[in-house]
């Protein structure tokens, strides 16, 4: 078992405190000082860990708990490594090994049409988006005859059922990158469509290297219902390897009674469970704040304890 010790993981829980002078961690009574750096790991068995915690409790006169537990997951895929993520209710975007609140994405696929004159357009692609804000679309527009003009029309379809379109053309020579600015960037998107045409119906028109610039917003990562024991009285939440920029923040909504009652908490803060139960749901909230700040994390952890 690998136990990562750092100032954030055990913040203000009465067992550990960070020593800013020398980067060490010690007990509240000044005992058991262990030199570490943020990347160090301590390899111990689960029993060693339990005994170390008991030893620290007795050294600092903390009343021992009779029940403790945790639920954790890392985002190795969209479902989480232990399949705890409720992807149906999660609104944040998954990217490789993390969830984030920036909905930007790209599509390198080549889409093409043929036999369509400029009087008509052919639908070549529909991107379905989960109620996000998109600022602009960018793609590479070209055709098979350098002597003709080619057209791409991007249609923005919003969740309020209204639409807006932007058309770009490429005349003669080789292709070029085009930018289609969303006329209504504050409206959430339902779908984006790409339509193609050409001056000559015998020519082929194509686009590729499509990219979509999103606007960071407030999104959540929600867990499935996680069953815990009956003794939990206090808890603490962490967002594993989290990052924020600008006005971005991360908080959590948590329920211990299968979603009947939620409480909003700051990360790494010891909190009493008011509505106790055995059905845990955690929502990690990736918040943009006042100025479209970014927030992301690579996993979550909830620790809970009590007198049974």
Protein backbone atom coordinates (compact mmCIF):
# COMPACT_ATOMS: atom_id res chain seq x y z
CA UNK A 1 0.00 0.00 0.00
CA UNK A 2 1.30 3.46 -0.88
CA UNK A 3 0.45 6.27 1.51
CA UNK A 4 1.06 9.73 0.06
CA UNK A 5 1.56 12.25 2.88
CA UNK A 6 1.27 15.94 2.17
CA UNK A 7 -0.15 19.02 3.83
CA UNK A 8 -3.38 18.95 1.83
CA UNK A 9 -4.41 15.33 2.42
CA UNK A 10 -4.48 15.62 6.21
CA UNK A 11 -5.27 19.31 6.48
CA UNK A 12 -6.69 20.44 9.84
CA UNK A 13 -7.88 16.99 10.92
CA UNK A 14 -6.04 16.99 14.24
CA UNK A 15 -3.62 14.22 13.32
CA UNK A 16 -1.09 15.96 11.10
CA UNK A 17 0.06 19.47 10.35
CA UNK A 18 2.46 20.80 7.76
CA UNK A 19 5.65 22.46 8.95
CA UNK A 20 6.33 25.35 6.54
CA UNK A 21 9.82 25.90 7.89
CA UNK A 22 11.32 22.58 6.85
CA UNK A 23 8.67 20.86 4.70
CA UNK A 24 8.16 18.14 7.30
CA UNK A 25 5.04 16.59 8.76
CA UNK A 26 4.71 15.97 12.48
CA UNK A 27 2.06 15.27 15.06
CA UNK A 28 0.34 18.15 16.82
CA UNK A 29 2.48 17.46 19.89
CA UNK A 30 5.71 17.70 17.92
CA UNK A 31 6.34 13.96 17.85
CA UNK A 32 7.08 11.56 15.00
CA UNK A 33 8.62 14.05 12.64
CA UNK A 34 8.98 12.52 9.15
CA UNK A 35 11.06 14.39 6.53
CA UNK A 36 9.27 14.36 3.17
CA UNK A 37 8.86 16.26 -0.06
CA UNK A 38 5.56 16.54 -1.97
CA UNK A 39 6.59 13.66 -4.26
CA UNK A 40 7.77 11.27 -1.52
CA UNK A 41 5.84 8.10 -0.75
CA UNK A 42 5.90 5.98 2.40
CA UNK A 43 5.37 2.25 1.92
CA UNK A 44 3.55 0.63 4.82
CA UNK A 45 1.08 -2.16 5.36
CA UNK A 46 -2.56 -1.35 6.18
CA UNK A 47 -2.01 -2.55 9.76
CA UNK A 48 1.04 -0.31 10.11
CA UNK A 49 -1.07 2.64 9.01
CA UNK A 50 -3.79 1.89 11.57
CA UNK A 51 -1.25 1.50 14.37
CA UNK A 52 0.51 4.73 13.40
CA UNK A 53 -2.80 6.61 13.52
CA UNK A 54 -3.62 5.14 16.95
CA UNK A 55 -0.17 6.08 18.20
CA UNK A 56 -0.66 9.66 17.02
CA UNK A 57 -4.09 9.79 18.62
CA UNK A 58 -2.80 8.73 22.02
CA UNK A 59 0.16 11.14 21.74
CA UNK A 60 -2.18 14.07 21.17
CA UNK A 61 -4.99 12.94 23.50
CA UNK A 62 -7.51 12.54 20.66
CA UNK A 63 -10.48 10.30 21.47
CA UNK A 64 -10.16 7.26 19.17
CA UNK A 65 -12.94 6.60 16.68
CA UNK A 66 -14.62 3.22 16.46
CA UNK A 67 -15.62 3.53 12.81
CA UNK A 68 -13.76 4.94 9.82
CA UNK A 69 -13.78 4.44 6.10
CA UNK A 70 -13.28 6.05 2.73
CA UNK A 71 -14.42 6.00 -0.87
CA UNK A 72 -11.98 6.95 -3.60
CA UNK A 73 -11.56 6.81 -7.34
CA UNK A 74 -9.18 8.06 -10.01
CA UNK A 75 -10.28 8.97 -13.50
CA UNK A 76 -8.36 6.47 -15.60
CA UNK A 77 -11.41 6.52 -17.86
CA UNK A 78 -14.76 8.32 -17.87
CA UNK A 79 -16.30 5.76 -15.47
CA UNK A 80 -13.38 5.94 -13.03
CA UNK A 81 -10.93 3.17 -12.22
CA UNK A 82 -13.39 1.52 -9.80
CA UNK A 83 -16.43 2.50 -11.93
CA UNK A 84 -17.81 4.92 -9.35
CA UNK A 85 -18.60 7.82 -11.72
CA UNK A 86 -22.23 8.35 -12.69
CA UNK A 87 -21.59 9.39 -16.30
CA UNK A 88 -25.29 9.99 -16.92
CA UNK A 89 -25.39 12.85 -14.39
CA UNK A 90 -21.80 14.05 -14.79
CA UNK A 91 -21.61 17.23 -16.87
CA UNK A 92 -17.85 17.92 -16.77
CA UNK A 93 -15.76 16.92 -19.77
CA UNK A 94 -13.50 13.87 -19.52
CA UNK A 95 -10.06 14.24 -21.08
CA UNK A 96 -7.52 11.37 -20.93
CA UNK A 97 -7.15 11.08 -17.14
CA UNK A 98 -9.11 13.97 -15.67
CA UNK A 99 -12.39 15.84 -15.69
CA UNK A 100 -12.44 19.57 -16.44
CA UNK A 101 -14.87 22.46 -16.87
CA UNK A 102 -13.54 23.62 -20.26
CA UNK A 103 -15.75 22.09 -23.00
CA UNK A 104 -13.26 22.76 -25.84
CA UNK A 105 -12.63 19.77 -28.08
CA UNK A 106 -11.38 18.81 -31.55
CA UNK A 107 -12.30 16.40 -34.34
CA UNK A 108 -9.59 15.49 -36.85
CA UNK A 109 -11.94 13.47 -39.11
CA UNK A 110 -12.24 14.49 -42.76
CA UNK A 111 -15.84 15.15 -43.88
CA UNK A 112 -16.70 15.70 -47.54
CA UNK A 113 -19.57 16.15 -49.98
CA UNK A 114 -19.86 15.88 -53.77
CA UNK A 115 -22.48 16.63 -56.40
CA UNK A 116 -23.83 19.63 -54.48
CA UNK A 117 -24.06 23.03 -56.17
CA UNK A 118 -23.80 26.35 -54.35
CA UNK A 119 -27.59 26.66 -54.40
CA UNK A 120 -27.77 23.67 -52.05
CA UNK A 121 -25.79 22.43 -49.07
CA UNK A 122 -25.16 18.89 -47.91
CA UNK A 123 -25.10 18.02 -44.19
CA UNK A 124 -21.85 16.13 -43.50
CA UNK A 125 -21.59 16.14 -39.69
CA UNK A 126 -23.62 16.81 -36.54
CA UNK A 127 -21.82 17.22 -33.22
CA UNK A 128 -24.09 16.67 -30.20
CA UNK A 129 -22.97 18.65 -27.16
CA UNK A 130 -24.13 18.42 -23.51
CA UNK A 131 -25.49 21.95 -22.92
CA UNK A 132 -22.16 23.76 -23.15
CA UNK A 133 -21.04 27.21 -24.24
CA UNK A 134 -19.03 27.37 -27.49
CA UNK A 135 -17.32 30.57 -28.59
CA UNK A 136 -16.20 29.56 -32.07
CA UNK A 137 -15.53 26.73 -34.52
CA UNK A 138 -12.41 26.46 -36.64
CA UNK A 139 -11.75 24.06 -39.53
CA UNK A 140 -9.72 23.56 -42.70
CA UNK A 141 -11.83 24.10 -45.85
CA UNK A 142 -10.75 22.86 -49.28
CA UNK A 143 -11.87 21.05 -52.43
CA UNK A 144 -10.54 18.89 -55.23
CA UNK A 145 -10.33 21.63 -57.89
CA UNK A 146 -8.12 24.68 -57.16
CA UNK A 147 -10.08 26.67 -59.75
CA UNK A 148 -13.40 26.52 -57.92
CA UNK A 149 -14.94 28.07 -54.80
CA UNK A 150 -15.99 25.91 -51.85
CA UNK A 151 -18.36 26.70 -49.01
CA UNK A 152 -18.88 25.54 -45.44
CA UNK A 153 -21.87 26.56 -43.36
CA UNK A 154 -21.79 25.98 -39.60
CA UNK A 155 -25.20 25.95 -37.91
CA UNK A 156 -25.35 26.52 -34.16
CA UNK A 157 -28.48 24.95 -32.63
CA UNK A 158 -29.18 26.09 -29.09
CA UNK A 159 -30.97 24.40 -26.24
CA UNK A 160 -33.71 27.05 -26.40
CA UNK A 161 -34.49 25.66 -29.94
CA UNK A 162 -33.24 28.78 -31.77
CA UNK A 163 -30.50 28.56 -34.42
CA UNK A 164 -27.82 30.71 -36.05
CA UNK A 165 -25.52 30.02 -38.99
CA UNK A 166 -22.17 31.28 -40.27
CA UNK A 167 -20.89 30.54 -43.81
CA UNK A 168 -17.30 30.75 -45.04
CA UNK A 169 -15.89 30.23 -48.54
CA UNK A 170 -12.53 29.29 -50.01
CA UNK A 171 -11.75 30.55 -53.53
CA UNK A 172 -9.00 29.16 -55.78
CA UNK A 173 -5.61 27.86 -54.72
CA UNK A 174 -5.06 25.56 -51.77
CA UNK A 175 -7.34 25.28 -48.76
CA UNK A 176 -7.21 27.45 -45.68
CA UNK A 177 -8.39 27.57 -42.07
CA UNK A 178 -11.73 29.25 -41.39
CA UNK A 179 -13.19 30.57 -38.14
CA UNK A 180 -16.94 30.59 -37.49
CA UNK A 181 -17.74 32.80 -34.51
CA UNK A 182 -20.87 31.85 -32.60
CA UNK A 183 -23.33 34.78 -32.84
CA UNK A 184 -24.83 33.85 -29.44
CA UNK A 185 -21.97 32.65 -27.19
CA UNK A 186 -24.02 32.98 -24.01
CA UNK A 187 -26.58 30.42 -25.20
CA UNK A 188 -25.94 26.77 -24.42
CA UNK A 189 -25.42 24.53 -27.42
CA UNK A 190 -27.47 21.43 -28.23
CA UNK A 191 -25.81 20.53 -31.56
CA UNK A 192 -23.48 22.01 -34.15
CA UNK A 193 -23.87 21.05 -37.82
CA UNK A 194 -21.47 21.33 -40.77
CA UNK A 195 -22.91 21.75 -44.29
CA UNK A 196 -20.80 21.83 -47.50
CA UNK A 197 -21.27 22.93 -51.12
CA UNK A 198 -19.29 24.01 -54.19
CA UNK A 199 -19.77 26.26 -57.24
CA UNK A 200 -19.50 23.22 -59.51
CA UNK A 201 -21.68 20.24 -58.62
CA UNK A 202 -18.99 17.93 -60.05
CA UNK A 203 -16.48 18.98 -57.44
CA UNK A 204 -15.88 17.62 -53.96
CA UNK A 205 -15.77 19.88 -50.89
CA UNK A 206 -14.22 18.79 -47.62
CA UNK A 207 -13.34 19.97 -44.14
CA UNK A 208 -11.07 18.50 -41.50
CA UNK A 209 -9.11 19.50 -38.39
CA UNK A 210 -12.26 20.89 -36.77
CA UNK A 211 -11.76 22.48 -33.36
CA UNK A 212 -14.29 23.99 -30.98
CA UNK A 213 -13.34 26.71 -28.51
CA UNK A 214 -15.46 26.33 -25.41
CA UNK A 215 -16.18 28.73 -22.57
CA UNK A 216 -15.40 27.34 -19.08
CA UNK A 217 -18.58 27.02 -17.03
CA UNK A 218 -19.85 25.30 -13.88
CA UNK A 219 -19.87 21.51 -14.24
CA UNK A 220 -19.99 18.53 -11.88
CA UNK A 221 -18.51 15.06 -11.53
CA UNK A 222 -21.12 12.91 -9.80
CA UNK A 223 -20.60 9.51 -8.23
CA UNK A 224 -22.91 6.56 -8.26
CA UNK A 225 -24.58 5.70 -4.96
CA UNK A 226 -21.81 4.37 -2.70
CA UNK A 227 -22.79 2.22 0.29
CA UNK A 228 -21.02 2.92 3.59
CA UNK A 229 -21.39 1.74 7.19
CA UNK A 230 -23.69 3.21 9.82
CA UNK A 231 -21.06 4.83 12.05
CA UNK A 232 -20.05 7.86 9.98
CA UNK A 233 -20.41 11.16 11.86
CA UNK A 234 -17.79 13.41 10.23
CA UNK A 235 -16.19 13.56 6.80
CA UNK A 236 -13.66 15.31 4.59
CA UNK A 237 -13.48 15.56 0.77
CA UNK A 238 -10.44 15.93 -1.46
CA UNK A 239 -10.17 16.47 -5.22
CA UNK A 240 -7.15 14.45 -6.28
CA UNK A 241 -4.45 16.30 -8.22
CA UNK A 242 -6.74 19.26 -8.80
CA UNK A 243 -5.81 22.42 -10.68
CA UNK A 244 -7.47 25.81 -11.03
CA UNK A 245 -6.66 28.96 -12.99
CA UNK A 246 -8.11 32.46 -12.76
CA UNK A 247 -11.40 32.51 -10.88
CA UNK A 248 -11.85 28.74 -11.10
CA UNK A 249 -12.62 26.92 -7.85
CA UNK A 250 -13.54 23.40 -6.74
CA UNK A 251 -16.10 22.59 -4.06
CA UNK A 252 -18.28 19.56 -3.35
CA UNK A 253 -21.89 18.68 -2.71
CA UNK A 254 -22.30 15.51 -0.67
CA UNK A 255 -25.24 13.44 0.55
CA UNK A 256 -25.21 10.53 2.98
CA UNK A 257 -28.91 9.68 2.53
CA UNK A 258 -29.13 8.81 -1.18
CA UNK A 259 -29.59 12.39 -2.36
CA UNK A 260 -32.42 13.40 0.01
CA UNK A 261 -30.22 16.08 1.58
CA UNK A 262 -27.02 17.65 0.25
CA UNK A 263 -24.48 19.88 1.94
CA UNK A 264 -21.99 22.08 0.07
CA UNK A 265 -18.47 21.93 1.55
CA UNK A 266 -15.00 23.25 0.87
CA UNK A 267 -12.30 20.72 0.09
CA UNK A 268 -10.11 19.36 2.88
CA UNK A 269 -12.45 20.64 5.58
CA UNK A 270 -13.69 18.46 8.45
CA UNK A 271 -17.49 18.59 8.48
CA UNK A 272 -20.15 17.00 10.63
CA UNK A 273 -22.75 14.83 8.91
CA UNK A 274 -26.17 16.30 9.72
CA UNK A 275 -28.41 13.90 7.78
CA UNK A 276 -26.74 10.56 8.41
CA UNK A 277 -27.25 7.48 6.32
CA UNK A 278 -25.48 4.69 4.45
CA UNK A 279 -25.98 5.81 0.83
CA UNK A 280 -23.25 8.27 -0.20
CA UNK A 281 -23.35 10.47 -3.32
CA UNK A 282 -20.56 12.94 -4.01
CA UNK A 283 -20.64 15.77 -6.55
CA UNK A 284 -17.27 17.40 -7.24
CA UNK A 285 -18.13 20.90 -8.50
CA UNK A 286 -15.77 22.49 -11.03
CA UNK A 287 -16.68 26.17 -10.86
CA UNK A 288 -15.74 28.86 -13.40
CA UNK A 289 -16.30 31.81 -11.09
CA UNK A 290 -16.78 35.37 -12.28
CA UNK A 291 -14.29 35.34 -15.16
CA UNK A 292 -14.52 31.93 -16.84
CA UNK A 293 -11.85 30.32 -14.68
CA UNK A 294 -10.74 26.75 -15.29
CA UNK A 295 -10.86 23.82 -12.87
CA UNK A 296 -9.97 20.15 -13.17
CA UNK A 297 -9.10 17.09 -11.10
CA UNK A 298 -7.93 13.52 -11.61
CA UNK A 299 -9.93 11.80 -8.89
CA UNK A 300 -11.71 12.25 -5.58
CA UNK A 301 -11.65 10.92 -2.06
CA UNK A 302 -14.12 11.02 0.80
CA UNK A 303 -12.98 9.94 4.28
CA UNK A 304 -15.51 9.51 7.09
CA UNK A 305 -15.34 8.49 10.71
CA UNK A 306 -17.37 8.37 13.90
CA UNK A 307 -18.04 6.71 17.22
CA UNK A 308 -20.18 3.99 15.70
